[in-house]
Protein backbone atom coordinates (compact mmCIF):
# COMPACT_ATOMS: atom_id res chain seq x y z
CA UNK A 1 -218.41 -101.65 114.27
CA UNK A 2 -217.23 -99.36 116.93
CA UNK A 3 -215.40 -101.23 119.70
CA UNK A 4 -213.15 -98.92 121.24
CA UNK A 5 -213.59 -96.09 123.96
CA UNK A 6 -211.80 -94.93 126.94
CA UNK A 7 -211.82 -96.67 130.28
CA UNK A 8 -213.20 -94.28 132.97
CA UNK A 9 -215.16 -96.71 135.19
CA UNK A 10 -216.94 -100.22 135.82
CA UNK A 11 -220.76 -100.86 135.67
CA UNK A 12 -220.78 -101.27 139.48
CA UNK A 13 -218.90 -98.06 140.00
CA UNK A 14 -221.69 -96.39 137.88
CA UNK A 15 -224.76 -98.48 139.61
CA UNK A 16 -223.26 -97.10 142.88
CA UNK A 17 -222.94 -93.71 141.71
CA UNK A 18 -226.71 -93.66 140.38
CA UNK A 19 -227.43 -94.91 143.71
CA UNK A 20 -225.98 -92.04 145.57
CA UNK A 21 -227.21 -89.28 143.05
CA UNK A 22 -230.86 -90.67 143.72
CA UNK A 23 -230.65 -90.94 147.41
CA UNK A 24 -228.99 -87.38 147.58
CA UNK A 25 -231.50 -86.03 145.14
CA UNK A 26 -234.40 -87.34 147.50
CA UNK A 27 -232.70 -85.98 150.18
CA UNK A 28 -232.96 -82.28 148.44
CA UNK A 29 -229.43 -81.62 149.25
CA UNK A 30 -226.83 -80.48 146.44
CA UNK A 31 -223.42 -81.65 146.00
CA UNK A 32 -222.06 -79.16 147.36
CA UNK A 33 -223.77 -79.34 150.60
CA UNK A 34 -223.19 -82.75 150.86
CA UNK A 35 -219.31 -82.12 150.54
CA UNK A 36 -219.31 -79.86 153.05
CA UNK A 37 -221.27 -82.09 155.41
CA UNK A 38 -218.59 -84.71 155.01
CA UNK A 39 -215.52 -82.60 154.33
CA UNK A 40 -214.54 -83.73 150.89
CA UNK A 41 -214.29 -82.04 147.74
CA UNK A 42 -217.16 -80.93 145.66
CA UNK A 43 -215.84 -82.29 142.14
CA UNK A 44 -215.07 -85.56 144.06
CA UNK A 45 -218.69 -86.14 145.37
CA UNK A 46 -219.80 -85.36 141.60
CA UNK A 47 -216.99 -88.13 139.99
CA UNK A 48 -218.69 -90.71 142.89
CA UNK A 49 -222.00 -89.85 141.34
CA UNK A 50 -221.12 -90.27 137.94
CA UNK A 51 -219.10 -93.55 138.56
CA UNK A 52 -215.63 -92.14 137.30
CA UNK A 53 -214.32 -92.74 140.55
CA UNK A 54 -215.28 -95.36 143.35
CA UNK A 55 -215.32 -94.07 146.77
CA UNK A 56 -214.48 -96.11 149.77
CA UNK A 57 -216.60 -97.86 152.03
CA UNK A 58 -216.10 -95.50 154.59
CA UNK A 59 -216.85 -92.40 152.48
CA UNK A 60 -219.88 -94.08 151.37
CA UNK A 61 -221.08 -94.85 155.02
CA UNK A 62 -220.42 -91.11 155.70
CA UNK A 63 -222.48 -89.78 152.88
CA UNK A 64 -225.16 -92.29 153.40
CA UNK A 65 -225.36 -91.16 157.48
CA UNK A 66 -225.42 -87.46 156.30
CA UNK A 67 -228.59 -88.23 154.04
CA UNK A 68 -230.23 -90.00 156.56
CA UNK A 69 -230.39 -93.63 154.53
CA UNK A 70 -230.70 -96.16 157.07
CA UNK A 71 -231.99 -100.01 157.14
CA UNK A 72 -232.39 -101.95 154.01
CA UNK A 73 -231.65 -99.03 151.86
CA UNK A 74 -228.34 -98.22 153.34
CA UNK A 75 -227.57 -102.16 152.96
CA UNK A 76 -228.55 -102.40 149.46
CA UNK A 77 -226.23 -99.18 148.41
CA UNK A 78 -223.18 -100.44 150.66
CA UNK A 79 -223.38 -104.03 148.65
CA UNK A 80 -222.29 -102.04 145.67
CA UNK A 81 -219.14 -100.60 147.33
CA UNK A 82 -216.97 -104.18 147.52
CA UNK A 83 -214.95 -104.98 144.63
CA UNK A 84 -216.40 -102.60 141.87
CA UNK A 85 -213.40 -103.34 139.72
CA UNK A 86 -214.12 -107.07 139.62
CA UNK A 87 -213.86 -108.53 135.82
CA UNK A 88 -218.00 -109.45 136.14
CA UNK A 89 -220.76 -108.27 138.23
CA UNK A 90 -223.42 -111.02 138.68
CA UNK A 91 -226.56 -110.13 139.94
CA UNK A 92 -228.82 -113.00 141.61
CA UNK A 93 -231.12 -111.13 144.01
CA UNK A 94 -233.96 -108.65 143.25
CA UNK A 95 -232.31 -105.29 144.71
CA UNK A 96 -229.05 -106.29 142.96
CA UNK A 97 -230.88 -106.73 139.45
CA UNK A 98 -232.59 -103.47 140.33
CA UNK A 99 -229.25 -101.63 140.78
CA UNK A 100 -227.80 -103.15 137.60
CA UNK A 101 -230.80 -102.14 135.83
CA UNK A 102 -230.42 -98.51 137.03
CA UNK A 103 -226.84 -98.39 135.69
CA UNK A 104 -227.53 -100.13 132.48
CA UNK A 105 -230.25 -97.32 131.62
CA UNK A 106 -227.97 -95.03 132.79
CA UNK A 107 -225.00 -96.18 130.16
CA UNK A 108 -227.51 -96.91 127.57
CA UNK A 109 -228.72 -93.42 127.65
CA UNK A 110 -225.59 -92.12 127.56
CA UNK A 111 -224.20 -94.91 124.92
CA UNK A 112 -222.84 -94.16 121.37
CA UNK A 113 -223.88 -97.64 120.02
CA UNK A 114 -225.88 -100.30 121.19
CA UNK A 115 -225.23 -103.84 119.70
CA UNK A 116 -228.00 -106.32 120.61
CA UNK A 117 -228.33 -109.93 119.59
CA UNK A 118 -231.57 -111.49 120.19
CA UNK A 119 -231.73 -114.98 118.41
CA UNK A 120 -235.41 -115.37 119.97
CA UNK A 121 -237.18 -112.75 120.30
CA UNK A 122 -237.50 -108.85 119.23
CA UNK A 123 -235.12 -106.63 121.14
CA UNK A 124 -236.54 -104.75 124.20
CA UNK A 125 -235.48 -101.58 122.74
CA UNK A 126 -237.76 -102.13 120.08
CA UNK A 127 -240.85 -104.06 121.34
CA UNK A 128 -244.49 -102.82 121.14
CA UNK A 129 -246.11 -102.29 124.68
CA UNK A 130 -248.40 -105.25 123.94
CA UNK A 131 -245.45 -107.62 122.92
CA UNK A 132 -243.43 -107.11 125.97
CA UNK A 133 -246.17 -107.09 128.36
CA UNK A 134 -247.16 -110.60 126.74
CA UNK A 135 -243.38 -111.49 127.76
CA UNK A 136 -243.50 -110.32 131.08
CA UNK A 137 -246.81 -111.53 132.03
CA UNK A 138 -246.30 -114.82 130.46
CA UNK A 139 -242.86 -115.38 132.69
CA UNK A 140 -244.84 -115.34 135.88
CA UNK A 141 -244.27 -111.91 137.30
CA UNK A 142 -247.36 -110.03 139.26
CA UNK A 143 -249.42 -107.69 137.21
CA UNK A 144 -248.32 -104.71 138.84
CA UNK A 145 -244.44 -105.88 138.26
CA UNK A 146 -245.11 -106.75 134.43
CA UNK A 147 -246.69 -103.14 134.06
CA UNK A 148 -243.76 -101.45 136.01
CA UNK A 149 -241.42 -103.40 133.75
CA UNK A 150 -243.23 -102.66 130.48
CA UNK A 151 -243.04 -98.86 131.32
CA UNK A 152 -239.20 -98.93 131.91
CA UNK A 153 -239.02 -101.12 128.64
CA UNK A 154 -240.83 -98.37 126.56
CA UNK A 155 -239.31 -95.57 128.62
CA UNK A 156 -235.68 -96.57 127.06
CA UNK A 157 -237.11 -96.28 123.67
CA UNK A 158 -236.53 -92.36 124.28
CA UNK A 159 -232.81 -92.78 123.36
CA UNK A 160 -233.73 -93.74 120.18
CA UNK A 161 -236.01 -90.80 119.29
CA UNK A 162 -234.48 -87.60 120.93
CA UNK A 163 -232.54 -85.21 118.80
CA UNK A 164 -228.94 -86.79 119.44
CA UNK A 165 -230.03 -90.48 119.41
CA UNK A 166 -228.19 -93.69 119.80
CA UNK A 167 -227.24 -95.75 116.95
CA UNK A 168 -228.97 -99.14 117.75
CA UNK A 169 -227.91 -102.37 115.71
CA UNK A 170 -230.45 -104.93 116.08
CA UNK A 171 -229.48 -108.69 115.17
CA UNK A 172 -232.61 -110.75 115.34
CA UNK A 173 -232.78 -114.77 114.64
CA UNK A 174 -235.01 -115.60 112.12
CA UNK A 175 -236.94 -117.99 114.59
CA UNK A 176 -238.16 -114.77 116.29
CA UNK A 177 -240.19 -114.26 113.45
CA UNK A 178 -242.28 -117.48 114.06
CA UNK A 179 -242.68 -117.24 117.61
CA UNK A 180 -246.45 -116.39 118.62
CA UNK A 181 -245.64 -113.93 121.32
CA UNK A 182 -249.54 -113.19 122.71
CA UNK A 183 -251.24 -113.73 119.58
CA UNK A 184 -251.16 -113.18 115.87
CA UNK A 185 -252.45 -109.57 115.88
CA UNK A 186 -250.04 -108.66 118.79
CA UNK A 187 -246.97 -109.99 116.51
CA UNK A 188 -248.37 -108.65 113.27
CA UNK A 189 -248.26 -105.36 115.05
CA UNK A 190 -244.81 -105.91 116.50
CA UNK A 191 -243.43 -106.66 112.92
CA UNK A 192 -245.04 -103.29 111.59
CA UNK A 193 -243.83 -101.12 114.21
CA UNK A 194 -240.33 -103.06 113.90
CA UNK A 195 -240.39 -102.12 110.15
CA UNK A 196 -241.15 -98.40 111.10
CA UNK A 197 -238.19 -98.29 113.62
CA UNK A 198 -235.72 -99.51 110.83
CA UNK A 199 -236.47 -96.69 108.93
CA UNK A 200 -234.96 -94.44 111.11
CA UNK A 201 -231.25 -93.38 110.38
CA UNK A 202 -229.77 -94.47 113.81
CA UNK A 203 -231.58 -98.01 113.62
CA UNK A 204 -230.20 -100.97 111.60
CA UNK A 205 -232.28 -104.39 111.82
CA UNK A 206 -230.58 -107.60 110.22
CA UNK A 207 -231.97 -110.94 110.44
CA UNK A 208 -229.81 -114.27 111.07
CA UNK A 209 -231.11 -117.29 108.94
CA UNK A 210 -232.09 -120.27 110.80
CA UNK A 211 -230.13 -122.36 108.18
CA UNK A 212 -226.78 -120.51 108.64
CA UNK A 213 -225.04 -123.30 110.27
CA UNK A 214 -223.43 -122.49 113.92
CA UNK A 215 -222.79 -118.88 114.73
CA UNK A 216 -222.16 -117.24 118.13
CA UNK A 217 -225.78 -115.95 118.65
CA UNK A 218 -226.88 -119.90 119.40
CA UNK A 219 -225.00 -119.70 122.50
CA UNK A 220 -227.31 -116.71 123.69
CA UNK A 221 -228.39 -113.39 123.29
CA UNK A 222 -226.04 -110.41 124.93
CA UNK A 223 -226.14 -106.79 124.44
CA UNK A 224 -222.62 -105.22 123.29
CA UNK A 225 -222.84 -101.42 124.66
CA UNK A 226 -220.45 -98.79 123.56
CA UNK A 227 -220.75 -95.98 126.04
CA UNK A 228 -219.25 -92.27 125.35
CA UNK A 229 -216.45 -92.71 127.90
CA UNK A 230 -216.08 -96.08 128.87
CA UNK A 231 -214.52 -99.45 127.42
CA UNK A 232 -217.41 -101.60 125.52
CA UNK A 233 -219.53 -103.53 128.30
CA UNK A 234 -221.33 -106.53 127.73
CA UNK A 235 -224.91 -107.30 129.47
CA UNK A 236 -226.22 -110.83 129.47
CA UNK A 237 -229.65 -111.33 130.96
CA UNK A 238 -230.71 -114.94 131.99
CA UNK A 239 -234.21 -115.52 133.89
CA UNK A 240 -232.83 -115.04 137.46
CA UNK A 241 -229.87 -113.67 137.06
CA UNK A 242 -227.96 -110.83 135.01
CA UNK A 243 -224.40 -110.19 134.42
CA UNK A 244 -221.87 -107.42 133.13
CA UNK A 245 -218.70 -108.18 131.77
CA UNK A 246 -216.22 -105.23 131.51
CA UNK A 247 -212.76 -107.01 131.54
CA UNK A 248 -210.74 -106.73 128.50
CA UNK A 249 -210.45 -110.03 127.26
CA UNK A 250 -213.86 -111.12 127.88
CA UNK A 251 -215.23 -108.03 126.18
CA UNK A 252 -212.96 -108.80 123.38
CA UNK A 253 -214.42 -112.39 122.82
CA UNK A 254 -217.62 -110.70 122.42
CA UNK A 255 -216.34 -108.31 120.12
CA UNK A 256 -215.25 -110.98 117.66
CA UNK A 257 -218.72 -112.91 118.20
CA UNK A 258 -220.41 -109.72 116.98
CA UNK A 259 -218.25 -109.34 114.20
CA UNK A 260 -219.23 -112.86 113.18
CA UNK A 261 -222.54 -112.13 113.33
CA UNK A 262 -222.24 -108.98 111.54
CA UNK A 263 -220.46 -111.05 108.87
CA UNK A 264 -223.37 -113.50 107.93
CA UNK A 265 -226.37 -111.40 109.04
CA UNK A 266 -228.56 -110.30 105.99
CA UNK A 267 -228.74 -107.10 104.80
CA UNK A 268 -230.85 -104.33 105.91
CA UNK A 269 -232.91 -104.26 102.97
CA UNK A 270 -233.28 -108.38 102.64
CA UNK A 271 -234.18 -108.08 106.52
CA UNK A 272 -237.00 -105.89 106.04
CA UNK A 273 -238.17 -108.04 103.20
CA UNK A 274 -238.21 -110.81 105.26
CA UNK A 275 -240.13 -109.09 108.20
CA UNK A 276 -242.71 -107.64 105.83
CA UNK A 277 -243.08 -111.26 104.34
CA UNK A 278 -243.81 -112.53 107.47
CA UNK A 279 -246.10 -109.83 108.72
CA UNK A 280 -248.29 -110.01 105.65
CA UNK A 281 -248.84 -113.86 106.37
CA UNK A 282 -249.81 -113.07 110.02
CA UNK A 283 -252.51 -110.10 108.89
C-alpha cells in the first residue's frame, strides 16, 4: 500500500485555491491580469490557486475585490482563509460541505491511489446511477439536489477510466451485499457493474467478511487518499458533516487501520466469486 507523499498543501488550502480559480475564470481574467491588478507575482497567484501556498486574508480580499466578488460568495470564500493548517477541517454548513467537495474532487482527480473502506454500501466511485439515486433520494434530499449529487458522483468515475487512471482499492463489507437499495433489480445491476469495474487493472474490489470479528471498518467508512504532491489525507463523511484529516499522527492511525483491513479482506478472486453468487440470487 502507498502511504507516503510529499507535503505541499492542506485540504483547506486546496479548497481556497479551487474557489479562487473558479472565481477568476468566471470573471474572464487570466492569472497574469489578476497579478498585475493586485501587484503580486504571477507565479504567486498560480500557487494560491493550486493550493501550494495559502495566501494571507488581506491578499484574498484584494483578489476578490478585483474579481468583483461581493456578498455571500465573498463571505464563503473568506471563510476558507482562517487557519488553513489546522489538523482537521470539519464542515457543518452546506456551503462548507460544498467547498470540501470541490477540494476533494480536485484531490481525487490528481490522486495516485484512493483507498475506500465502505462497510455498509458500495463505494460511491463504483455506484451505478440508479443505486446512487436510491441512496440520495432516500436520504431526504430534494429531487433536484439528489439529481445534482448523482451527476457529480457519476462524473467522478472519469478518474478510473481516463488514459492515466488512478488506482482505486475498494474494501466493501459483506453486509453491503445484503442491503436492498432501491429494489432487487437495482442491486443486481449494481453488482453486475461492480464486477465489470473489478476487471479493470486499476480497480481492486475486496470483501471483508461479516464473521471476521472486530476490525477497524466497523468504526465507520473512510477514504484514505494519496494525492500526487501531498501527504495522504483521510476523508470521513457523516450524515450532516464531513471532515478532512491531514495531521501526520491522525493519518498514520488510519494508515495502520487500512493495513489491518488489507490483511483480513478476501482476495480479489474470492471477493468477485462472493459478489457473483449474491448477484445470481437476486436475478
